Amino acid sequence: MQSGTSEHDSQKLKPCRYCETPIEKGLRRCPVCGTLTPHSDAKTTTIWIAVILLVVYLYTLIRGG
């Protein structure tokens, strides 16, 4: 019974990107090291950068520059 509980708990936890401490997925700051958005991953960051670049590119095209 213990293994089912720990497995369920591990699905709610993700390591902090800075200190690697397992923390809950919903937290915005790591309680150990204080890193903001501790489980922000490279995929999410890359998607946001691509979206911002696309918006800037489309804005430049619309303005005629």
PDB file of N, CA and C in Angstrom:
ATOM      1  N   MET A   1       0.820  -1.192   0.000  1.00  0.00           N
ATOM      2  CA  MET A   1       0.000   0.000   0.000  1.00  0.00           C
ATOM      3  C   MET A   1       0.862   1.252   0.000  1.00  0.00           C
ATOM      4  N   GLN A   2       2.005   1.194   0.632  1.00  0.00           N
ATOM      5  CA  GLN A   2       2.899   2.340   0.671  1.00  0.00           C
ATOM      6  C   GLN A   2       3.391   2.704  -0.724  1.00  0.00           C
ATOM      7  N   SER A   3       3.683   1.706  -1.573  1.00  0.00           N
ATOM      8  CA  SER A   3       4.214   2.005  -2.901  1.00  0.00           C
ATOM      9  C   SER A   3       3.196   2.767  -3.746  1.00  0.00           C
ATOM     10  N   GLY A   4       1.910   2.477  -3.598  1.00  0.00           N
ATOM     11  CA  GLY A   4       0.888   3.201  -4.337  1.00  0.00           C
ATOM     12  C   GLY A   4       0.800   4.652  -3.913  1.00  0.00           C
ATOM     13  N   THR A   5       0.944   4.900  -2.628  1.00  0.00           N
ATOM     14  CA  THR A   5       0.907   6.264  -2.117  1.00  0.00           C
ATOM     15  C   THR A   5       2.116   7.055  -2.599  1.00  0.00           C
ATOM     16  N   SER A   6       3.305   6.476  -2.515  1.00  0.00           N
ATOM     17  CA  SER A   6       4.502   7.202  -2.932  1.00  0.00           C
ATOM     18  C   SER A   6       4.508   7.420  -4.443  1.00  0.00           C
ATOM     19  N   GLU A   7       3.965   6.472  -5.199  1.00  0.00           N
ATOM     20  CA  GLU A   7       3.889   6.635  -6.654  1.00  0.00           C
ATOM     21  C   GLU A   7       2.957   7.787  -6.995  1.00  0.00           C
ATOM     22  N   HIS A   8       1.822   7.863  -6.303  1.00  0.00           N
ATOM     23  CA  HIS A   8       0.870   8.947  -6.525  1.00  0.00           C
ATOM     24  C   HIS A   8       1.501  10.286  -6.154  1.00  0.00           C
ATOM     25  N   ASP A   9       2.236  10.323  -5.041  1.00  0.00           N
ATOM     26  CA  ASP A   9       2.897  11.549  -4.601  1.00  0.00           C
ATOM     27  C   ASP A   9       3.981  11.967  -5.580  1.00  0.00           C
ATOM     28  N   SER A  10       4.720  11.023  -6.144  1.00  0.00           N
ATOM     29  CA  SER A  10       5.800  11.358  -7.067  1.00  0.00           C
ATOM     30  C   SER A  10       5.265  11.973  -8.357  1.00  0.00           C
ATOM     31  N   GLN A  11       4.020  11.680  -8.721  1.00  0.00           N
ATOM     32  CA  GLN A  11       3.427  12.282  -9.911  1.00  0.00           C
ATOM     33  C   GLN A  11       3.119  13.758  -9.674  1.00  0.00           C
ATOM     34  N   LYS A  12       2.958  14.166  -8.428  1.00  0.00           N
ATOM     35  CA  LYS A  12       2.682  15.554  -8.090  1.00  0.00           C
ATOM     36  C   LYS A  12       3.962  16.360  -7.913  1.00  0.00           C
ATOM     37  N   LEU A  13       5.099  15.677  -7.839  1.00  0.00           N
ATOM     38  CA  LEU A  13       6.365  16.344  -7.580  1.00  0.00           C
ATOM     39  C   LEU A  13       7.219  16.424  -8.834  1.00  0.00           C
ATOM     40  N   LYS A  14       7.996  17.483  -8.910  1.00  0.00           N
ATOM     41  CA  LYS A  14       8.936  17.665 -10.004  1.00  0.00           C
ATOM     42  C   LYS A  14      10.168  18.357  -9.418  1.00  0.00           C
ATOM     43  N   PRO A  15      11.372  17.997  -9.870  1.00  0.00           N
ATOM     44  CA  PRO A  15      12.563  18.602  -9.275  1.00  0.00           C
ATOM     45  C   PRO A  15      12.712  20.076  -9.652  1.00  0.00           C
ATOM     46  N   CYS A  16      13.189  20.869  -8.716  1.00  0.00           N
ATOM     47  CA  CYS A  16      13.499  22.272  -8.971  1.00  0.00           C
ATOM     48  C   CYS A  16      14.612  22.325 -10.009  1.00  0.00           C
ATOM     49  N   ARG A  17      14.530  23.244 -10.944  1.00  0.00           N
ATOM     50  CA  ARG A  17      15.547  23.328 -12.002  1.00  0.00           C
ATOM     51  C   ARG A  17      16.885  23.839 -11.490  1.00  0.00           C
ATOM     52  N   TYR A  18      16.905  24.416 -10.308  1.00  0.00           N
ATOM     53  CA  TYR A  18      18.147  24.954  -9.763  1.00  0.00           C
ATOM     54  C   TYR A  18      18.777  24.016  -8.735  1.00  0.00           C
ATOM     55  N   CYS A  19      17.997  23.643  -7.703  1.00  0.00           N
ATOM     56  CA  CYS A  19      18.573  22.839  -6.610  1.00  0.00           C
ATOM     57  C   CYS A  19      18.173  21.366  -6.659  1.00  0.00           C
ATOM     58  N   GLU A  20      17.290  20.992  -7.601  1.00  0.00           N
ATOM     59  CA  GLU A  20      16.859  19.597  -7.791  1.00  0.00           C
ATOM     60  C   GLU A  20      16.017  19.034  -6.647  1.00  0.00           C
ATOM     61  N   THR A  21      15.556  19.860  -5.722  1.00  0.00           N
ATOM     62  CA  THR A  21      14.696  19.399  -4.636  1.00  0.00           C
ATOM     63  C   THR A  21      13.314  19.072  -5.197  1.00  0.00           C
ATOM     64  N   PRO A  22      12.743  17.898  -4.897  1.00  0.00           N
ATOM     65  CA  PRO A  22      11.392  17.587  -5.376  1.00  0.00           C
ATOM     66  C   PRO A  22      10.368  18.524  -4.726  1.00  0.00           C
ATOM     67  N   ILE A  23       9.599  19.219  -5.568  1.00  0.00           N
ATOM     68  CA  ILE A  23       8.577  20.143  -5.071  1.00  0.00           C
ATOM     69  C   ILE A  23       7.282  19.935  -5.832  1.00  0.00           C
ATOM     70  N   GLU A  24       6.190  20.428  -5.282  1.00  0.00           N
ATOM     71  CA  GLU A  24       4.889  20.296  -5.932  1.00  0.00           C
ATOM     72  C   GLU A  24       4.868  21.082  -7.231  1.00  0.00           C
ATOM     73  N   LYS A  25       4.176  20.551  -8.238  1.00  0.00           N
ATOM     74  CA  LYS A  25       4.125  21.178  -9.550  1.00  0.00           C
ATOM     75  C   LYS A  25       3.474  22.552  -9.543  1.00  0.00           C
ATOM     76  N   GLY A  26       2.540  22.816  -8.642  1.00  0.00           N
ATOM     77  CA  GLY A  26       1.815  24.074  -8.654  1.00  0.00           C
ATOM     78  C   GLY A  26       2.522  25.253  -8.009  1.00  0.00           C
ATOM     79  N   LEU A  27       3.655  25.021  -7.355  1.00  0.00           N
ATOM     80  CA  LEU A  27       4.344  26.105  -6.663  1.00  0.00           C
ATOM     81  C   LEU A  27       5.041  27.036  -7.650  1.00  0.00           C
ATOM     82  N   ARG A  28       5.032  28.335  -7.337  1.00  0.00           N
ATOM     83  CA  ARG A  28       5.695  29.319  -8.192  1.00  0.00           C
ATOM     84  C   ARG A  28       7.113  29.616  -7.724  1.00  0.00           C
ATOM     85  N   ARG A  29       7.447  29.192  -6.499  1.00  0.00           N
ATOM     86  CA  ARG A  29       8.780  29.450  -5.954  1.00  0.00           C
ATOM     87  C   ARG A  29       9.223  28.219  -5.163  1.00  0.00           C
ATOM     88  N   CYS A  30      10.469  27.820  -5.352  1.00  0.00           N
ATOM     89  CA  CYS A  30      11.017  26.677  -4.616  1.00  0.00           C
ATOM     90  C   CYS A  30      11.155  27.055  -3.145  1.00  0.00           C
ATOM     91  N   PRO A  31      10.610  26.228  -2.241  1.00  0.00           N
ATOM     92  CA  PRO A  31      10.701  26.555  -0.813  1.00  0.00           C
ATOM     93  C   PRO A  31      12.115  26.400  -0.249  1.00  0.00           C
ATOM     94  N   VAL A  32      12.996  25.718  -0.951  1.00  0.00           N
ATOM     95  CA  VAL A  32      14.358  25.500  -0.457  1.00  0.00           C
ATOM     96  C   VAL A  32      15.312  26.607  -0.922  1.00  0.00           C
ATOM     97  N   CYS A  33      15.373  26.835  -2.253  1.00  0.00           N
ATOM     98  CA  CYS A  33      16.346  27.804  -2.776  1.00  0.00           C
ATOM     99  C   CYS A  33      15.705  29.134  -3.185  1.00  0.00           C
ATOM    100  N   GLY A  34      14.374  29.172  -3.306  1.00  0.00           N
ATOM    101  CA  GLY A  34      13.689  30.416  -3.651  1.00  0.00           C
ATOM    102  C   GLY A  34      13.606  30.720  -5.126  1.00  0.00           C
ATOM    103  N   THR A  35      14.012  29.797  -5.987  1.00  0.00           N
ATOM    104  CA  THR A  35      13.957  30.018  -7.425  1.00  0.00           C
ATOM    105  C   THR A  35      12.517  30.222  -7.877  1.00  0.00           C
ATOM    106  N   LEU A  36      12.293  31.270  -8.664  1.00  0.00           N
ATOM    107  CA  LEU A  36      10.968  31.556  -9.197  1.00  0.00           C
ATOM    108  C   LEU A  36      10.668  30.579 -10.322  1.00  0.00           C
ATOM    109  N   THR A  37       9.423  30.126 -10.434  1.00  0.00           N
ATOM    110  CA  THR A  37       8.983  29.089 -11.377  1.00  0.00           C
ATOM    111  C   THR A  37      10.000  27.957 -11.462  1.00  0.00           C
ATOM    112  N   PRO A  38      10.142  27.202 -10.389  1.00  0.00           N
ATOM    113  CA  PRO A  38      11.197  26.205 -10.291  1.00  0.00           C
ATOM    114  C   PRO A  38      11.126  25.057 -11.289  1.00  0.00           C
ATOM    115  N   HIS A  39       9.981  24.775 -11.918  1.00  0.00           N
ATOM    116  CA  HIS A  39       9.965  23.681 -12.870  1.00  0.00           C
ATOM    117  C   HIS A  39       9.718  24.174 -14.284  1.00  0.00           C
ATOM    118  N   SER A  40      10.098  25.366 -14.576  1.00  0.00           N
ATOM    119  CA  SER A  40      10.032  25.851 -15.945  1.00  0.00           C
ATOM    120  C   SER A  40      11.027  25.041 -16.766  1.00  0.00           C
ATOM    121  N   ASP A  41      10.563  24.440 -17.822  1.00  0.00           N
ATOM    122  CA  ASP A  41      11.471  23.623 -18.613  1.00  0.00           C
ATOM    123  C   ASP A  41      11.824  24.314 -19.923  1.00  0.00           C
ATOM    124  N   ALA A  42      12.819  23.796 -20.585  1.00  0.00           N
ATOM    125  CA  ALA A  42      13.325  24.398 -21.817  1.00  0.00           C
ATOM    126  C   ALA A  42      12.277  24.391 -22.924  1.00  0.00           C
ATOM    127  N   LYS A  43      11.438  23.368 -22.973  1.00  0.00           N
ATOM    128  CA  LYS A  43      10.426  23.286 -24.024  1.00  0.00           C
ATOM    129  C   LYS A  43       9.445  24.450 -23.916  1.00  0.00           C
ATOM    130  N   THR A  44       8.960  24.731 -22.727  1.00  0.00           N
ATOM    131  CA  THR A  44       8.018  25.826 -22.523  1.00  0.00           C
ATOM    132  C   THR A  44       8.669  27.158 -22.867  1.00  0.00           C
ATOM    133  N   THR A  45       9.895  27.359 -22.426  1.00  0.00           N
ATOM    134  CA  THR A  45      10.620  28.597 -22.709  1.00  0.00           C
ATOM    135  C   THR A  45      10.829  28.771 -24.208  1.00  0.00           C
ATOM    136  N   THR A  46      11.209  27.704 -24.894  1.00  0.00           N
ATOM    137  CA  THR A  46      11.429  27.765 -26.334  1.00  0.00           C
ATOM    138  C   THR A  46      10.142  28.113 -27.073  1.00  0.00           C
ATOM    139  N   ILE A  47       9.036  27.549 -26.655  1.00  0.00           N
ATOM    140  CA  ILE A  47       7.752  27.848 -27.294  1.00  0.00           C
ATOM    141  C   ILE A  47       7.407  29.321 -27.124  1.00  0.00           C
ATOM    142  N   TRP A  48       7.581  29.870 -25.914  1.00  0.00           N
ATOM    143  CA  TRP A  48       7.273  31.283 -25.681  1.00  0.00           C
ATOM    144  C   TRP A  48       8.175  32.198 -26.492  1.00  0.00           C
ATOM    145  N   ILE A  49       9.445  31.878 -26.603  1.00  0.00           N
ATOM    146  CA  ILE A  49      10.358  32.693 -27.412  1.00  0.00           C
ATOM    147  C   ILE A  49       9.935  32.659 -28.869  1.00  0.00           C
ATOM    148  N   ALA A  50       9.566  31.482 -29.379  1.00  0.00           N
ATOM    149  CA  ALA A  50       9.118  31.366 -30.770  1.00  0.00           C
ATOM    150  C   ALA A  50       7.849  32.173 -31.006  1.00  0.00           C
ATOM    151  N   VAL A  51       6.915  32.138 -30.074  1.00  0.00           N
ATOM    152  CA  VAL A  51       5.669  32.902 -30.215  1.00  0.00           C
ATOM    153  C   VAL A  51       5.966  34.402 -30.236  1.00  0.00           C
ATOM    154  N   ILE A  52       6.832  34.864 -29.357  1.00  0.00           N
ATOM    155  CA  ILE A  52       7.171  36.289 -29.314  1.00  0.00           C
ATOM    156  C   ILE A  52       7.856  36.719 -30.603  1.00  0.00           C
ATOM    157  N   LEU A  53       8.791  35.917 -31.101  1.00  0.00           N
ATOM    158  CA  LEU A  53       9.465  36.247 -32.351  1.00  0.00           C
ATOM    159  C   LEU A  53       8.486  36.272 -33.523  1.00  0.00           C
ATOM    160  N   LEU A  54       7.545  35.354 -33.544  1.00  0.00           N
ATOM    161  CA  LEU A  54       6.540  35.326 -34.602  1.00  0.00           C
ATOM    162  C   LEU A  54       5.667  36.576 -34.556  1.00  0.00           C
ATOM    163  N   VAL A  55       5.259  36.985 -33.389  1.00  0.00           N
ATOM    164  CA  VAL A  55       4.432  38.189 -33.246  1.00  0.00           C
ATOM    165  C   VAL A  55       5.206  39.421 -33.710  1.00  0.00           C
ATOM    166  N   VAL A  56       6.460  39.531 -33.328  1.00  0.00           N
ATOM    167  CA  VAL A  56       7.281  40.666 -33.761  1.00  0.00           C
ATOM    168  C   VAL A  56       7.451  40.651 -35.275  1.00  0.00           C
ATOM    169  N   TYR A  57       7.690  39.495 -35.851  1.00  0.00           N
ATOM    170  CA  TYR A  57       7.844  39.369 -37.301  1.00  0.00           C
ATOM    171  C   TYR A  57       6.563  39.775 -38.024  1.00  0.00           C
ATOM    172  N   LEU A  58       5.428  39.282 -37.565  1.00  0.00           N
ATOM    173  CA  LEU A  58       4.149  39.631 -38.196  1.00  0.00           C
ATOM    174  C   LEU A  58       3.858  41.122 -38.041  1.00  0.00           C
ATOM    175  N   TYR A  59       4.156  41.694 -36.910  1.00  0.00           N
ATOM    176  CA  TYR A  59       3.964  43.122 -36.688  1.00  0.00           C
ATOM    177  C   TYR A  59       4.806  43.935 -37.671  1.00  0.00           C
ATOM    178  N   THR A  60       6.065  43.499 -37.880  1.00  0.00           N
ATOM    179  CA  THR A  60       6.946  44.184 -38.829  1.00  0.00           C
ATOM    180  C   THR A  60       6.406  44.079 -40.247  1.00  0.00           C
ATOM    181  N   LEU A  61       5.885  42.928 -40.620  1.00  0.00           N
ATOM    182  CA  LEU A  61       5.311  42.765 -41.966  1.00  0.00           C
ATOM    183  C   LEU A  61       4.089  43.651 -42.169  1.00  0.00           C
ATOM    184  N   ILE A  62       3.233  43.724 -41.170  1.00  0.00           N
ATOM    185  CA  ILE A  62       2.019  44.518 -41.271  1.00  0.00           C
ATOM    186  C   ILE A  62       2.349  46.008 -41.381  1.00  0.00           C
ATOM    187  N   ARG A  63       3.340  46.445 -40.639  1.00  0.00           N
ATOM    188  CA  ARG A  63       3.722  47.863 -40.646  1.00  0.00           C
ATOM    189  C   ARG A  63       4.477  48.239 -41.909  1.00  0.00           C
ATOM    190  N   GLY A  64       4.897  47.244 -42.692  1.00  0.00           N
ATOM    191  CA  GLY A  64       5.576  47.517 -43.962  1.00  0.00           C
ATOM    192  C   GLY A  64       7.068  47.761 -43.825  1.00  0.00           C
ATOM    193  N   GLY A  65       7.668  47.225 -42.786  1.00  0.00           N
ATOM    194  CA  GLY A  65       9.101  47.476 -42.563  1.00  0.00           C
ATOM    195  C   GLY A  65       9.897  46.325 -42.947  1.00  0.00           C
TER     196      GLY A  65
END
